């Protein structure tokens, strides 16, 4: 059974670029290592400081938890945030096209 998790938060304006750099490092690692069983996307909204992460994976084991770059991203995430995170642990997929 697949699970979809969504997390949304706002960074402090001066921390938004660093946050994006750390997120990009996660995607570089995922592309290099391909943990399998994971669909993951991160969006930066037009306000420049709001980020939305959506991860879809099979079972209870989220492959992101094994990522060194993701651990680095999480390490000081609270210091980069202005508000949030708002986390939804079981988002229901209504439909998708090419995502």
C-alpha atoms as a PDB file:
ATOM      1  CA  UNK A   1       0.000   0.000   0.000  1.00  0.00           C
ATOM      2  CA  UNK A   2       1.386   3.407  -0.905  1.00  0.00           C
ATOM      3  CA  UNK A   3       1.476   6.397   1.419  1.00  0.00           C
ATOM      4  CA  UNK A   4       1.607  10.042   0.481  1.00  0.00           C
ATOM      5  CA  UNK A   5       2.950  12.631   2.921  1.00  0.00           C
ATOM      6  CA  UNK A   6       2.823  16.396   2.415  1.00  0.00           C
ATOM      7  CA  UNK A   7       4.734  19.006   4.420  1.00  0.00           C
ATOM      8  CA  UNK A   8       4.331  22.765   4.038  1.00  0.00           C
ATOM      9  CA  UNK A   9       6.281  25.509   5.829  1.00  0.00           C
ATOM     10  CA  UNK A  10       7.567  29.069   5.491  1.00  0.00           C
ATOM     11  CA  UNK A  11      11.231  29.857   5.843  1.00  0.00           C
ATOM     12  CA  UNK A  12      12.630  33.088   7.158  1.00  0.00           C
ATOM     13  CA  UNK A  13      13.380  35.277   4.088  1.00  0.00           C
ATOM     14  CA  UNK A  14      17.128  35.183   4.703  1.00  0.00           C
ATOM     15  CA  UNK A  15      17.059  31.360   4.966  1.00  0.00           C
ATOM     16  CA  UNK A  16      15.075  30.562   1.797  1.00  0.00           C
ATOM     17  CA  UNK A  17      18.093  30.212  -0.511  1.00  0.00           C
ATOM     18  CA  UNK A  18      19.928  27.950   1.957  1.00  0.00           C
ATOM     19  CA  UNK A  19      16.804  25.844   2.328  1.00  0.00           C
ATOM     20  CA  UNK A  20      16.550  25.470  -1.441  1.00  0.00           C
ATOM     21  CA  UNK A  21      20.249  24.553  -1.678  1.00  0.00           C
ATOM     22  CA  UNK A  22      19.757  21.785   0.896  1.00  0.00           C
ATOM     23  CA  UNK A  23      16.642  20.497  -0.884  1.00  0.00           C
ATOM     24  CA  UNK A  24      18.514  20.434  -4.196  1.00  0.00           C
ATOM     25  CA  UNK A  25      21.244  18.350  -2.533  1.00  0.00           C
ATOM     26  CA  UNK A  26      18.592  15.793  -1.545  1.00  0.00           C
ATOM     27  CA  UNK A  27      17.472  15.495  -5.166  1.00  0.00           C
ATOM     28  CA  UNK A  28      21.071  15.162  -6.389  1.00  0.00           C
ATOM     29  CA  UNK A  29      21.591  12.292  -3.956  1.00  0.00           C
ATOM     30  CA  UNK A  30      18.310  10.610  -4.898  1.00  0.00           C
ATOM     31  CA  UNK A  31      19.155  10.853  -8.591  1.00  0.00           C
ATOM     32  CA  UNK A  32      22.599   9.356  -7.972  1.00  0.00           C
ATOM     33  CA  UNK A  33      21.541   6.568  -5.587  1.00  0.00           C
ATOM     34  CA  UNK A  34      17.938   5.797  -6.700  1.00  0.00           C
ATOM     35  CA  UNK A  35      16.556   4.284  -3.492  1.00  0.00           C
ATOM     36  CA  UNK A  36      13.518   2.934  -5.390  1.00  0.00           C
ATOM     37  CA  UNK A  37       9.907   2.972  -4.254  1.00  0.00           C
ATOM     38  CA  UNK A  38       9.839   6.754  -3.879  1.00  0.00           C
ATOM     39  CA  UNK A  39       8.175   9.587  -5.757  1.00  0.00           C
ATOM     40  CA  UNK A  40       9.152  12.945  -4.312  1.00  0.00           C
ATOM     41  CA  UNK A  41       8.693  16.569  -5.312  1.00  0.00           C
ATOM     42  CA  UNK A  42       9.391  19.885  -3.646  1.00  0.00           C
ATOM     43  CA  UNK A  43       7.778  23.158  -4.673  1.00  0.00           C
ATOM     44  CA  UNK A  44       8.809  26.711  -3.774  1.00  0.00           C
ATOM     45  CA  UNK A  45       5.777  28.961  -3.937  1.00  0.00           C
ATOM     46  CA  UNK A  46       5.726  32.370  -5.592  1.00  0.00           C
ATOM     47  CA  UNK A  47       6.153  34.190  -2.278  1.00  0.00           C
ATOM     48  CA  UNK A  48       9.716  32.829  -2.316  1.00  0.00           C
ATOM     49  CA  UNK A  49       9.624  31.528   1.253  1.00  0.00           C
ATOM     50  CA  UNK A  50       6.949  28.816   1.306  1.00  0.00           C
ATOM     51  CA  UNK A  51       7.990  25.259   0.462  1.00  0.00           C
ATOM     52  CA  UNK A  52       5.775  22.231  -0.091  1.00  0.00           C
ATOM     53  CA  UNK A  53       7.204  18.707  -0.092  1.00  0.00           C
ATOM     54  CA  UNK A  54       5.188  15.739  -1.359  1.00  0.00           C
ATOM     55  CA  UNK A  55       6.537  12.204  -0.937  1.00  0.00           C
ATOM     56  CA  UNK A  56       4.833   9.023  -2.086  1.00  0.00           C
ATOM     57  CA  UNK A  57       6.258   5.641  -1.130  1.00  0.00           C
ATOM     58  CA  UNK A  58       5.244   2.040  -0.619  1.00  0.00           C
ATOM     59  CA  UNK A  59       4.637   0.661   2.891  1.00  0.00           C
ATOM     60  CA  UNK A  60       5.742   2.274   6.114  1.00  0.00           C
ATOM     61  CA  UNK A  61       9.442   2.671   5.257  1.00  0.00           C
ATOM     62  CA  UNK A  62      10.054   6.136   3.786  1.00  0.00           C
ATOM     63  CA  UNK A  63      13.290   5.913   1.723  1.00  0.00           C
ATOM     64  CA  UNK A  64      14.021   9.575   2.518  1.00  0.00           C
ATOM     65  CA  UNK A  65      14.837   8.551   6.083  1.00  0.00           C
ATOM     66  CA  UNK A  66      17.907   6.686   4.753  1.00  0.00           C
ATOM     67  CA  UNK A  67      19.216   9.698   2.811  1.00  0.00           C
ATOM     68  CA  UNK A  68      22.291  11.453   4.212  1.00  0.00           C
ATOM     69  CA  UNK A  69      21.374  14.649   2.346  1.00  0.00           C
ATOM     70  CA  UNK A  70      17.834  14.547   3.758  1.00  0.00           C
ATOM     71  CA  UNK A  71      19.254  14.161   7.266  1.00  0.00           C
ATOM     72  CA  UNK A  72      21.448  17.200   6.638  1.00  0.00           C
ATOM     73  CA  UNK A  73      18.404  19.124   5.365  1.00  0.00           C
ATOM     74  CA  UNK A  74      16.461  18.244   8.529  1.00  0.00           C
ATOM     75  CA  UNK A  75      19.330  19.032  10.897  1.00  0.00           C
ATOM     76  CA  UNK A  76      18.642  22.778  11.288  1.00  0.00           C
ATOM     77  CA  UNK A  77      15.302  23.060   9.525  1.00  0.00           C
ATOM     78  CA  UNK A  78      13.641  24.579  12.594  1.00  0.00           C
ATOM     79  CA  UNK A  79      16.125  27.463  12.598  1.00  0.00           C
ATOM     80  CA  UNK A  80      15.290  28.197   8.947  1.00  0.00           C
ATOM     81  CA  UNK A  81      11.521  28.209   9.501  1.00  0.00           C
ATOM     82  CA  UNK A  82       9.305  31.169  10.176  1.00  0.00           C
ATOM     83  CA  UNK A  83       6.176  29.017  10.497  1.00  0.00           C
ATOM     84  CA  UNK A  84       5.198  25.389  10.247  1.00  0.00           C
ATOM     85  CA  UNK A  85       5.719  22.707   9.456  1.00  0.00           C
ATOM     86  CA  UNK A  86       2.195  21.641   8.646  1.00  0.00           C
ATOM     87  CA  UNK A  87       2.378  17.922   7.996  1.00  0.00           C
ATOM     88  CA  UNK A  88      -0.285  15.655   6.552  1.00  0.00           C
ATOM     89  CA  UNK A  89       0.749  12.037   7.038  1.00  0.00           C
ATOM     90  CA  UNK A  90      -1.791  10.318   4.857  1.00  0.00           C
ATOM     91  CA  UNK A  91      -2.767  12.498   1.919  1.00  0.00           C
ATOM     92  CA  UNK A  92      -5.241  10.806  -0.429  1.00  0.00           C
ATOM     93  CA  UNK A  93      -4.244  10.871  -4.079  1.00  0.00           C
ATOM     94  CA  UNK A  94      -7.289  11.789  -6.137  1.00  0.00           C
ATOM     95  CA  UNK A  95      -5.534  11.686  -9.488  1.00  0.00           C
ATOM     96  CA  UNK A  96      -2.237  12.338 -11.201  1.00  0.00           C
ATOM     97  CA  UNK A  97      -0.956  12.827 -14.681  1.00  0.00           C
ATOM     98  CA  UNK A  98       2.732  12.427 -15.388  1.00  0.00           C
ATOM     99  CA  UNK A  99       3.742  13.328 -11.821  1.00  0.00           C
END
